[in-house]
Amino acid sequence: VEIDDVHELSIQDKERDIFKMVDAIAARDG
């Protein structure tokens, strides 16, 4: 499995949004 395969099947924007959501929870930005 190469890096291009991971990029092909993984949704980068979604992963970034998950991290942002956790950041918002940590910042208590409900």
PDB file of all heavy atoms in Angstrom:
ATOM      1  N   VAL A   1       0.853  -1.183   0.000  1.00  0.00           N
ATOM      2  CA  VAL A   1       0.000   0.000   0.000  1.00  0.00           C
ATOM      3  C   VAL A   1       0.891   1.236   0.000  1.00  0.00           C
ATOM      4  O   VAL A   1       1.738   1.400   0.876  1.00  0.00           O
ATOM      5  CB  VAL A   1      -0.933   0.018   1.224  1.00  0.00           C
ATOM      6  CG1 VAL A   1      -1.716   1.325   1.287  1.00  0.00           C
ATOM      7  CG2 VAL A   1      -1.885  -1.172   1.192  1.00  0.00           C
ATOM      8  N   GLU A   2       0.715   2.092  -0.998  1.00  0.00           N
ATOM      9  CA  GLU A   2       1.544   3.284  -1.137  1.00  0.00           C
ATOM     10  C   GLU A   2       0.786   4.513  -0.628  1.00  0.00           C
ATOM     11  O   GLU A   2      -0.418   4.464  -0.366  1.00  0.00           O
ATOM     12  CB  GLU A   2       1.932   3.492  -2.616  1.00  0.00           C
ATOM     13  CG  GLU A   2       2.677   2.317  -3.238  1.00  0.00           C
ATOM     14  CD  GLU A   2       4.113   2.231  -2.777  1.00  0.00           C
ATOM     15  OE1 GLU A   2       4.578   3.174  -2.086  1.00  0.00           O
ATOM     16  OE2 GLU A   2       4.790   1.235  -3.115  1.00  0.00           O
ATOM     17  N   ILE A   3       1.483   5.610  -0.537  1.00  0.00           N
ATOM     18  CA  ILE A   3       0.889   6.844  -0.033  1.00  0.00           C
ATOM     19  C   ILE A   3      -0.281   7.303  -0.900  1.00  0.00           C
ATOM     20  O   ILE A   3      -1.287   7.806  -0.403  1.00  0.00           O
ATOM     21  CB  ILE A   3       1.958   7.963   0.095  1.00  0.00           C
ATOM     22  CG1 ILE A   3       1.355   9.190   0.796  1.00  0.00           C
ATOM     23  CG2 ILE A   3       2.556   8.312  -1.263  1.00  0.00           C
ATOM     24  CD1 ILE A   3       2.398  10.232   1.142  1.00  0.00           C
ATOM     25  N   ASP A   4      -0.173   7.092  -2.222  1.00  0.00           N
ATOM     26  CA  ASP A   4      -1.261   7.493  -3.117  1.00  0.00           C
ATOM     27  C   ASP A   4      -2.533   6.691  -2.851  1.00  0.00           C
ATOM     28  O   ASP A   4      -3.648   7.209  -3.001  1.00  0.00           O
ATOM     29  CB  ASP A   4      -0.842   7.324  -4.580  1.00  0.00           C
ATOM     30  CG  ASP A   4       0.191   8.351  -5.007  1.00  0.00           C
ATOM     31  OD1 ASP A   4       0.342   9.369  -4.294  1.00  0.00           O
ATOM     32  OD2 ASP A   4       0.852   8.134  -6.037  1.00  0.00           O
ATOM     33  N   ASP A   5      -2.363   5.415  -2.452  1.00  0.00           N
ATOM     34  CA  ASP A   5      -3.532   4.597  -2.131  1.00  0.00           C
ATOM     35  C   ASP A   5      -4.242   5.152  -0.898  1.00  0.00           C
ATOM     36  O   ASP A   5      -5.483   5.202  -0.846  1.00  0.00           O
ATOM     37  CB  ASP A   5      -3.101   3.146  -1.863  1.00  0.00           C
ATOM     38  CG  ASP A   5      -2.394   2.525  -3.046  1.00  0.00           C
ATOM     39  OD1 ASP A   5      -2.873   2.699  -4.183  1.00  0.00           O
ATOM     40  OD2 ASP A   5      -1.359   1.872  -2.830  1.00  0.00           O
ATOM     41  N   VAL A   6      -3.470   5.553   0.090  1.00  0.00           N
ATOM     42  CA  VAL A   6      -4.048   6.111   1.309  1.00  0.00           C
ATOM     43  C   VAL A   6      -4.789   7.397   0.985  1.00  0.00           C
ATOM     44  O   VAL A   6      -5.904   7.630   1.462  1.00  0.00           O
ATOM     45  CB  VAL A   6      -2.952   6.362   2.365  1.00  0.00           C
ATOM     46  CG1 VAL A   6      -3.559   7.009   3.617  1.00  0.00           C
ATOM     47  CG2 VAL A   6      -2.259   5.057   2.726  1.00  0.00           C
ATOM     48  N   HIS A   7      -4.174   8.243   0.148  1.00  0.00           N
ATOM     49  CA  HIS A   7      -4.832   9.494  -0.234  1.00  0.00           C
ATOM     50  C   HIS A   7      -6.107   9.227  -1.026  1.00  0.00           C
ATOM     51  O   HIS A   7      -7.105   9.935  -0.890  1.00  0.00           O
ATOM     52  CB  HIS A   7      -3.882  10.347  -1.064  1.00  0.00           C
ATOM     53  CG  HIS A   7      -2.754  10.923  -0.272  1.00  0.00           C
ATOM     54  ND1 HIS A   7      -1.639  11.494  -0.848  1.00  0.00           N
ATOM     55  CD2 HIS A   7      -2.566  11.010   1.059  1.00  0.00           C
ATOM     56  CE1 HIS A   7      -0.824  11.913   0.101  1.00  0.00           C
ATOM     57  NE2 HIS A   7      -1.367  11.625   1.260  1.00  0.00           N
ATOM     58  N   GLU A   8      -6.065   8.193  -1.839  1.00  0.00           N
ATOM     59  CA  GLU A   8      -7.214   7.866  -2.685  1.00  0.00           C
ATOM     60  C   GLU A   8      -8.424   7.441  -1.866  1.00  0.00           C
ATOM     61  O   GLU A   8      -9.558   7.822  -2.155  1.00  0.00           O
ATOM     62  CB  GLU A   8      -6.846   6.741  -3.654  1.00  0.00           C
ATOM     63  CG  GLU A   8      -7.964   6.313  -4.595  1.00  0.00           C
ATOM     64  CD  GLU A   8      -8.257   7.348  -5.678  1.00  0.00           C
ATOM     65  OE1 GLU A   8      -7.368   8.194  -5.952  1.00  0.00           O
ATOM     66  OE2 GLU A   8      -9.360   7.307  -6.238  1.00  0.00           O
ATOM     67  N   LEU A   9      -8.187   6.662  -0.803  1.00  0.00           N
ATOM     68  CA  LEU A   9      -9.295   6.108  -0.035  1.00  0.00           C
ATOM     69  C   LEU A   9      -9.590   6.864   1.252  1.00  0.00           C
ATOM     70  O   LEU A   9     -10.589   6.595   1.911  1.00  0.00           O
ATOM     71  CB  LEU A   9      -9.007   4.644   0.316  1.00  0.00           C
ATOM     72  CG  LEU A   9      -8.921   3.661  -0.865  1.00  0.00           C
ATOM     73  CD1 LEU A   9      -8.860   2.233  -0.347  1.00  0.00           C
ATOM     74  CD2 LEU A   9     -10.090   3.816  -1.810  1.00  0.00           C
ATOM     75  N   SER A  10      -8.725   7.789   1.644  1.00  0.00           N
ATOM     76  CA  SER A  10      -8.945   8.553   2.865  1.00  0.00           C
ATOM     77  C   SER A  10      -9.406   9.958   2.506  1.00  0.00           C
ATOM     78  O   SER A  10      -8.899  10.568   1.571  1.00  0.00           O
ATOM     79  CB  SER A  10      -7.664   8.637   3.697  1.00  0.00           C
ATOM     80  OG  SER A  10      -7.226   7.361   4.074  1.00  0.00           O
ATOM     81  N   ILE A  11     -10.364  10.457   3.247  1.00  0.00           N
ATOM     82  CA  ILE A  11     -10.920  11.784   2.965  1.00  0.00           C
ATOM     83  C   ILE A  11     -10.218  12.788   3.866  1.00  0.00           C
ATOM     84  O   ILE A  11     -10.534  12.924   5.054  1.00  0.00           O
ATOM     85  CB  ILE A  11     -12.441  11.800   3.196  1.00  0.00           C
ATOM     86  CG1 ILE A  11     -13.099  10.700   2.349  1.00  0.00           C
ATOM     87  CG2 ILE A  11     -13.027  13.162   2.857  1.00  0.00           C
ATOM     88  CD1 ILE A  11     -14.583  10.568   2.584  1.00  0.00           C
ATOM     89  N   GLN A  12      -9.251  13.492   3.300  1.00  0.00           N
ATOM     90  CA  GLN A  12      -8.417  14.363   4.111  1.00  0.00           C
ATOM     91  C   GLN A  12      -9.220  15.480   4.774  1.00  0.00           C
ATOM     92  O   GLN A  12      -8.995  15.792   5.946  1.00  0.00           O
ATOM     93  CB  GLN A  12      -7.307  14.961   3.244  1.00  0.00           C
ATOM     94  CG  GLN A  12      -6.388  13.905   2.626  1.00  0.00           C
ATOM     95  CD  GLN A  12      -5.313  14.526   1.763  1.00  0.00           C
ATOM     96  OE1 GLN A  12      -4.588  15.402   2.197  1.00  0.00           O
ATOM     97  NE2 GLN A  12      -5.214  14.068   0.524  1.00  0.00           N
ATOM     98  N   ASP A  13     -10.131  16.087   4.037  1.00  0.00           N
ATOM     99  CA  ASP A  13     -10.888  17.188   4.615  1.00  0.00           C
ATOM    100  C   ASP A  13     -11.699  16.731   5.822  1.00  0.00           C
ATOM    101  O   ASP A  13     -11.827  17.451   6.817  1.00  0.00           O
ATOM    102  CB  ASP A  13     -11.823  17.795   3.559  1.00  0.00           C
ATOM    103  CG  ASP A  13     -11.066  18.562   2.487  1.00  0.00           C
ATOM    104  OD1 ASP A  13      -9.910  18.955   2.764  1.00  0.00           O
ATOM    105  OD2 ASP A  13     -11.613  18.769   1.401  1.00  0.00           O
ATOM    106  N   LYS A  14     -12.242  15.527   5.732  1.00  0.00           N
ATOM    107  CA  LYS A  14     -13.027  15.011   6.842  1.00  0.00           C
ATOM    108  C   LYS A  14     -12.152  14.823   8.075  1.00  0.00           C
ATOM    109  O   LYS A  14     -12.553  15.172   9.188  1.00  0.00           O
ATOM    110  CB  LYS A  14     -13.675  13.680   6.463  1.00  0.00           C
ATOM    111  CG  LYS A  14     -14.532  13.083   7.567  1.00  0.00           C
ATOM    112  CD  LYS A  14     -15.062  11.726   7.184  1.00  0.00           C
ATOM    113  CE  LYS A  14     -16.001  11.793   6.005  1.00  0.00           C
ATOM    114  NZ  LYS A  14     -16.581  10.477   5.679  1.00  0.00           N
ATOM    115  N   GLU A  15     -10.948  14.267   7.886  1.00  0.00           N
ATOM    116  CA  GLU A  15     -10.063  14.065   9.014  1.00  0.00           C
ATOM    117  C   GLU A  15      -9.693  15.401   9.650  1.00  0.00           C
ATOM    118  O   GLU A  15      -9.643  15.517  10.880  1.00  0.00           O
ATOM    119  CB  GLU A  15      -8.793  13.314   8.565  1.00  0.00           C
ATOM    120  CG  GLU A  15      -9.040  11.904   8.056  1.00  0.00           C
ATOM    121  CD  GLU A  15      -9.614  10.991   9.118  1.00  0.00           C
ATOM    122  OE1 GLU A  15      -9.505  11.318  10.316  1.00  0.00           O
ATOM    123  OE2 GLU A  15     -10.179   9.953   8.756  1.00  0.00           O
ATOM    124  N   ARG A  16      -9.431  16.400   8.828  1.00  0.00           N
ATOM    125  CA  ARG A  16      -9.102  17.714   9.377  1.00  0.00           C
ATOM    126  C   ARG A  16     -10.281  18.280  10.157  1.00  0.00           C
ATOM    127  O   ARG A  16     -10.101  18.911  11.207  1.00  0.00           O
ATOM    128  CB  ARG A  16      -8.688  18.665   8.246  1.00  0.00           C
ATOM    129  CG  ARG A  16      -7.271  18.433   7.729  1.00  0.00           C
ATOM    130  CD  ARG A  16      -6.807  19.621   6.907  1.00  0.00           C
ATOM    131  NE  ARG A  16      -7.569  19.755   5.678  1.00  0.00           N
ATOM    132  CZ  ARG A  16      -7.181  19.248   4.504  1.00  0.00           C
ATOM    133  NH1 ARG A  16      -6.057  18.555   4.433  1.00  0.00           N
ATOM    134  NH2 ARG A  16      -7.919  19.411   3.426  1.00  0.00           N
ATOM    135  N   ASP A  17     -11.498  18.056   9.653  1.00  0.00           N
ATOM    136  CA  ASP A  17     -12.679  18.547  10.350  1.00  0.00           C
ATOM    137  C   ASP A  17     -12.859  17.863  11.703  1.00  0.00           C
ATOM    138  O   ASP A  17     -13.325  18.484  12.671  1.00  0.00           O
ATOM    139  CB  ASP A  17     -13.931  18.333   9.497  1.00  0.00           C
ATOM    140  CG  ASP A  17     -14.026  19.307   8.328  1.00  0.00           C
ATOM    141  OD1 ASP A  17     -13.279  20.304   8.356  1.00  0.00           O
ATOM    142  OD2 ASP A  17     -14.822  19.067   7.415  1.00  0.00           O
ATOM    143  N   ILE A  18     -12.501  16.574  11.767  1.00  0.00           N
ATOM    144  CA  ILE A  18     -12.590  15.866  13.038  1.00  0.00           C
ATOM    145  C   ILE A  18     -11.645  16.497  14.053  1.00  0.00           C
ATOM    146  O   ILE A  18     -12.017  16.740  15.201  1.00  0.00           O
ATOM    147  CB  ILE A  18     -12.276  14.365  12.849  1.00  0.00           C
ATOM    148  CG1 ILE A  18     -13.402  13.679  12.060  1.00  0.00           C
ATOM    149  CG2 ILE A  18     -12.105  13.686  14.212  1.00  0.00           C
ATOM    150  CD1 ILE A  18     -13.108  12.252  11.688  1.00  0.00           C
ATOM    151  N   PHE A  19     -10.418  16.776  13.617  1.00  0.00           N
ATOM    152  CA  PHE A  19      -9.472  17.411  14.531  1.00  0.00           C
ATOM    153  C   PHE A  19      -9.963  18.800  14.943  1.00  0.00           C
ATOM    154  O   PHE A  19      -9.804  19.207  16.099  1.00  0.00           O
ATOM    155  CB  PHE A  19      -8.092  17.505  13.883  1.00  0.00           C
ATOM    156  CG  PHE A  19      -7.346  16.194  13.850  1.00  0.00           C
ATOM    157  CD1 PHE A  19      -6.947  15.632  12.656  1.00  0.00           C
ATOM    158  CD2 PHE A  19      -7.060  15.525  15.029  1.00  0.00           C
ATOM    159  CE1 PHE A  19      -6.268  14.424  12.627  1.00  0.00           C
ATOM    160  CE2 PHE A  19      -6.380  14.313  15.016  1.00  0.00           C
ATOM    161  CZ  PHE A  19      -5.982  13.764  13.814  1.00  0.00           C
ATOM    162  N   LYS A  20     -10.549  19.523  14.008  1.00  0.00           N
ATOM    163  CA  LYS A  20     -11.078  20.853  14.340  1.00  0.00           C
ATOM    164  C   LYS A  20     -12.225  20.748  15.336  1.00  0.00           C
ATOM    165  O   LYS A  20     -12.364  21.586  16.228  1.00  0.00           O
ATOM    166  CB  LYS A  20     -11.549  21.558  13.062  1.00  0.00           C
ATOM    167  CG  LYS A  20     -10.422  21.994  12.139  1.00  0.00           C
ATOM    168  CD  LYS A  20     -10.981  22.643  10.872  1.00  0.00           C
ATOM    169  CE  LYS A  20      -9.877  23.043   9.920  1.00  0.00           C
ATOM    170  NZ  LYS A  20     -10.417  23.615   8.664  1.00  0.00           N
ATOM    171  N   MET A  21     -13.054  19.715  15.171  1.00  0.00           N
ATOM    172  CA  MET A  21     -14.156  19.534  16.110  1.00  0.00           C
ATOM    173  C   MET A  21     -13.630  19.271  17.512  1.00  0.00           C
ATOM    174  O   MET A  21     -14.123  19.836  18.499  1.00  0.00           O
ATOM    175  CB  MET A  21     -15.042  18.366  15.668  1.00  0.00           C
ATOM    176  CG  MET A  21     -16.279  18.174  16.542  1.00  0.00           C
ATOM    177  SD  MET A  21     -17.170  16.635  16.204  1.00  0.00           S
ATOM    178  CE  MET A  21     -16.054  15.442  16.937  1.00  0.00           C
ATOM    179  N   VAL A  22     -12.606  18.434  17.605  1.00  0.00           N
ATOM    180  CA  VAL A  22     -12.016  18.150  18.910  1.00  0.00           C
ATOM    181  C   VAL A  22     -11.370  19.406  19.485  1.00  0.00           C
ATOM    182  O   VAL A  22     -11.465  19.676  20.685  1.00  0.00           O
ATOM    183  CB  VAL A  22     -10.994  17.006  18.797  1.00  0.00           C
ATOM    184  CG1 VAL A  22     -10.290  16.777  20.130  1.00  0.00           C
ATOM    185  CG2 VAL A  22     -11.676  15.724  18.346  1.00  0.00           C
ATOM    186  N   ASP A  23     -10.719  20.190  18.634  1.00  0.00           N
ATOM    187  CA  ASP A  23     -10.150  21.463  19.092  1.00  0.00           C
ATOM    188  C   ASP A  23     -11.245  22.371  19.642  1.00  0.00           C
ATOM    189  O   ASP A  23     -11.063  23.040  20.669  1.00  0.00           O
ATOM    190  CB  ASP A  23      -9.435  22.177  17.934  1.00  0.00           C
ATOM    191  CG  ASP A  23      -8.104  21.524  17.594  1.00  0.00           C
ATOM    192  OD1 ASP A  23      -7.567  20.809  18.459  1.00  0.00           O
ATOM    193  OD2 ASP A  23      -7.612  21.730  16.473  1.00  0.00           O
ATOM    194  N   ALA A  24     -12.389  22.411  18.948  1.00  0.00           N
ATOM    195  CA  ALA A  24     -13.486  23.265  19.395  1.00  0.00           C
ATOM    196  C   ALA A  24     -14.045  22.781  20.723  1.00  0.00           C
ATOM    197  O   ALA A  24     -14.397  23.581  21.600  1.00  0.00           O
ATOM    198  CB  ALA A  24     -14.588  23.296  18.332  1.00  0.00           C
ATOM    199  N   ILE A  25     -14.129  21.456  20.904  1.00  0.00           N
ATOM    200  CA  ILE A  25     -14.589  20.908  22.177  1.00  0.00           C
ATOM    201  C   ILE A  25     -13.621  21.304  23.288  1.00  0.00           C
ATOM    202  O   ILE A  25     -14.021  21.755  24.355  1.00  0.00           O
ATOM    203  CB  ILE A  25     -14.713  19.374  22.099  1.00  0.00           C
ATOM    204  CG1 ILE A  25     -15.839  18.979  21.131  1.00  0.00           C
ATOM    205  CG2 ILE A  25     -14.989  18.781  23.481  1.00  0.00           C
ATOM    206  CD1 ILE A  25     -15.886  17.493  20.851  1.00  0.00           C
ATOM    207  N   ALA A  26     -12.337  21.159  23.013  1.00  0.00           N
ATOM    208  CA  ALA A  26     -11.323  21.492  24.012  1.00  0.00           C
ATOM    209  C   ALA A  26     -11.372  22.977  24.372  1.00  0.00           C
ATOM    210  O   ALA A  26     -11.120  23.355  25.518  1.00  0.00           O
ATOM    211  CB  ALA A  26      -9.942  21.125  23.493  1.00  0.00           C
ATOM    212  N   ALA A  27     -11.696  23.815  23.374  1.00  0.00           N
ATOM    213  CA  ALA A  27     -11.791  25.257  23.600  1.00  0.00           C
ATOM    214  C   ALA A  27     -13.154  25.667  24.155  1.00  0.00           C
ATOM    215  O   ALA A  27     -13.403  26.846  24.384  1.00  0.00           O
ATOM    216  CB  ALA A  27     -11.529  26.003  22.288  1.00  0.00           C
ATOM    217  N   ARG A  28     -14.046  24.658  24.336  1.00  0.00           N
ATOM    218  CA  ARG A  28     -15.405  24.891  24.841  1.00  0.00           C
ATOM    219  C   ARG A  28     -16.195  25.828  23.935  1.00  0.00           C
ATOM    220  O   ARG A  28     -17.004  26.635  24.398  1.00  0.00           O
ATOM    221  CB  ARG A  28     -15.357  25.390  26.289  1.00  0.00           C
ATOM    222  CG  ARG A  28     -14.815  24.340  27.229  1.00  0.00           C
ATOM    223  CD  ARG A  28     -14.722  24.824  28.658  1.00  0.00           C
ATOM    224  NE  ARG A  28     -13.743  25.887  28.797  1.00  0.00           N
ATOM    225  CZ  ARG A  28     -13.018  26.076  29.902  1.00  0.00           C
ATOM    226  NH1 ARG A  28     -13.166  25.251  30.904  1.00  0.00           N
ATOM    227  NH2 ARG A  28     -12.172  27.058  29.981  1.00  0.00           N
ATOM    228  N   ASP A  29     -15.931  25.724  22.638  1.00  0.00           N
ATOM    229  CA  ASP A  29     -16.684  26.477  21.640  1.00  0.00           C
ATOM    230  C   ASP A  29     -17.831  25.585  21.182  1.00  0.00           C
ATOM    231  O   ASP A  29     -17.759  24.919  20.151  1.00  0.00           O
ATOM    232  CB  ASP A  29     -15.753  26.844  20.476  1.00  0.00           C
ATOM    233  CG  ASP A  29     -16.452  27.669  19.412  1.00  0.00           C
ATOM    234  OD1 ASP A  29     -17.676  27.886  19.527  1.00  0.00           O
ATOM    235  OD2 ASP A  29     -15.776  28.092  18.460  1.00  0.00           O
ATOM    236  N   GLY A  30     -18.895  25.574  21.975  1.00  0.00           N
ATOM    237  CA  GLY A  30     -19.988  24.650  21.721  1.00  0.00           C
ATOM    238  C   GLY A  30     -20.674  24.852  20.393  1.00  0.00           C
ATOM    239  O   GLY A  30     -21.038  23.883  19.728  1.00  0.00           O
TER     240      GLY A  30
END
